[in-house]
């Protein structure tokens, strides 16, 4: 009985580690997508800060690759692209929106997301 309980505890521990591992990969993928959108928007706006976004995007891309489970590549990439498109929509609303209140709100949301991602990088 003790052996079965111990084996069950090991299996549950491994499952929770896998879930947290996947969650981490998805979080890094989200940040990769957000910085991809920021980088492209900076290029569009001729912002010299584009290279900083490119560096952060590359860092998160490496972290995503390092933490994703085998066979998760397609799902992770899909998630990254969805987040990138959503973040790009925020940036477009912030820059080109015709309603100042909505533009300001979109800018604040985008900045909060980027700030949250930056807290995940050492040295930021």
Protein backbone atom coordinates (compact mmCIF):
# COMPACT_ATOMS: atom_id res chain seq x y z
CA UNK A 1 0.00 0.00 0.00
CA UNK A 2 2.82 2.41 0.88
CA UNK A 3 4.46 1.66 -2.47
CA UNK A 4 1.28 2.50 -4.36
CA UNK A 5 0.83 5.75 -2.45
CA UNK A 6 4.48 6.69 -3.02
CA UNK A 7 4.19 5.89 -6.73
CA UNK A 8 1.00 7.96 -6.93
CA UNK A 9 2.76 10.90 -5.27
CA UNK A 10 5.61 10.68 -7.78
CA UNK A 11 3.18 10.59 -10.72
CA UNK A 12 1.22 13.57 -9.37
CA UNK A 13 4.47 15.45 -8.78
CA UNK A 14 5.61 14.74 -12.32
CA UNK A 15 2.25 15.85 -13.72
CA UNK A 16 2.32 19.13 -11.82
CA UNK A 17 5.89 19.74 -12.97
CA UNK A 18 4.80 19.16 -16.57
CA UNK A 19 1.89 21.56 -16.18
CA UNK A 20 4.13 24.28 -14.73
CA UNK A 21 6.73 23.58 -17.43
CA UNK A 22 4.09 24.06 -20.15
CA UNK A 23 2.69 27.14 -18.43
CA UNK A 24 6.16 28.67 -18.36
CA UNK A 25 6.70 27.94 -22.05
CA UNK A 26 3.34 29.55 -22.88
CA UNK A 27 4.21 32.60 -20.76
CA UNK A 28 7.52 33.01 -22.56
CA UNK A 29 5.76 32.51 -25.90
CA UNK A 30 3.30 35.28 -24.99
CA UNK A 31 6.16 37.63 -24.27
CA UNK A 32 7.88 36.63 -27.52
CA UNK A 33 4.69 37.51 -29.38
CA UNK A 34 4.27 40.80 -27.56
CA UNK A 35 7.85 41.87 -28.28
CA UNK A 36 7.46 40.80 -31.91
CA UNK A 37 4.47 43.13 -32.18
CA UNK A 38 6.37 45.92 -30.39
CA UNK A 39 9.37 45.47 -32.69
CA UNK A 40 7.26 45.57 -35.86
CA UNK A 41 5.30 48.57 -34.60
CA UNK A 42 8.55 50.37 -33.80
CA UNK A 43 9.75 49.68 -37.35
CA UNK A 44 6.46 51.05 -38.70
CA UNK A 45 6.77 54.18 -36.59
CA UNK A 46 10.51 54.57 -37.39
CA UNK A 47 11.27 54.27 -33.67
CA UNK A 48 14.95 53.77 -32.83
CA UNK A 49 13.89 51.54 -29.91
CA UNK A 50 13.11 48.71 -32.33
CA UNK A 51 16.48 47.08 -31.70
CA UNK A 52 15.76 46.90 -27.96
CA UNK A 53 12.47 45.12 -28.68
CA UNK A 54 14.31 42.80 -31.06
CA UNK A 55 16.80 41.87 -28.34
CA UNK A 56 14.02 41.18 -25.83
CA UNK A 57 12.10 39.16 -28.42
CA UNK A 58 15.17 37.03 -29.11
CA UNK A 59 15.66 36.42 -25.38
CA UNK A 60 12.07 35.26 -24.95
CA UNK A 61 12.26 33.10 -28.08
CA UNK A 62 15.24 31.27 -26.53
CA UNK A 63 13.43 30.89 -23.22
CA UNK A 64 10.37 29.53 -25.03
CA UNK A 65 12.46 26.96 -26.89
CA UNK A 66 14.24 25.93 -23.71
CA UNK A 67 11.06 25.35 -21.71
CA UNK A 68 8.65 23.81 -24.21
CA UNK A 69 7.90 20.12 -24.01
CA UNK A 70 8.56 17.85 -26.97
CA UNK A 71 5.70 17.94 -29.43
CA UNK A 72 4.42 21.30 -28.17
CA UNK A 73 6.06 23.41 -30.87
CA UNK A 74 3.02 23.87 -33.08
CA UNK A 75 0.71 24.74 -30.18
CA UNK A 76 3.24 27.14 -28.66
CA UNK A 77 3.83 28.86 -32.02
CA UNK A 78 0.08 29.23 -32.55
CA UNK A 79 -0.28 30.81 -29.10
CA UNK A 80 2.64 33.14 -29.76
CA UNK A 81 1.11 34.33 -33.04
CA UNK A 82 -2.33 34.88 -31.47
CA UNK A 83 -0.80 36.99 -28.70
CA UNK A 84 1.28 38.91 -31.24
CA UNK A 85 -1.82 39.78 -33.27
CA UNK A 86 -3.73 40.86 -30.15
CA UNK A 87 -0.84 43.03 -28.99
CA UNK A 88 -0.45 44.53 -32.47
CA UNK A 89 -4.14 45.46 -32.37
CA UNK A 90 -3.56 47.27 -29.07
CA UNK A 91 -0.63 49.18 -30.54
CA UNK A 92 -2.60 50.10 -33.66
CA UNK A 93 -5.48 51.35 -31.52
CA UNK A 94 -3.05 53.33 -29.36
CA UNK A 95 -1.34 54.97 -32.35
CA UNK A 96 -4.11 55.32 -34.89
CA UNK A 97 -7.34 55.14 -32.88
CA UNK A 98 -9.80 57.96 -33.42
CA UNK A 99 -11.14 57.94 -29.86
CA UNK A 100 -8.56 59.44 -27.51
CA UNK A 101 -9.88 57.61 -24.45
CA UNK A 102 -9.72 54.21 -26.18
CA UNK A 103 -6.29 55.00 -27.64
CA UNK A 104 -4.95 55.92 -24.21
CA UNK A 105 -6.47 52.81 -22.65
CA UNK A 106 -4.95 50.57 -25.35
CA UNK A 107 -1.56 52.18 -24.79
CA UNK A 108 -1.75 51.57 -21.05
CA UNK A 109 -2.74 47.92 -21.49
CA UNK A 110 0.09 47.33 -23.98
CA UNK A 111 2.59 48.98 -21.64
CA UNK A 112 1.41 46.85 -18.69
CA UNK A 113 1.84 43.66 -20.69
CA UNK A 114 5.35 44.63 -21.77
CA UNK A 115 6.29 45.67 -18.24
CA UNK A 116 5.10 42.30 -16.92
CA UNK A 117 7.23 40.52 -19.52
CA UNK A 118 10.28 42.60 -18.70
CA UNK A 119 10.06 41.55 -15.06
CA UNK A 120 10.74 37.98 -16.23
CA UNK A 121 14.14 38.88 -17.70
CA UNK A 122 17.22 39.13 -15.53
CA UNK A 123 18.84 42.53 -15.71
CA UNK A 124 15.65 44.35 -16.67
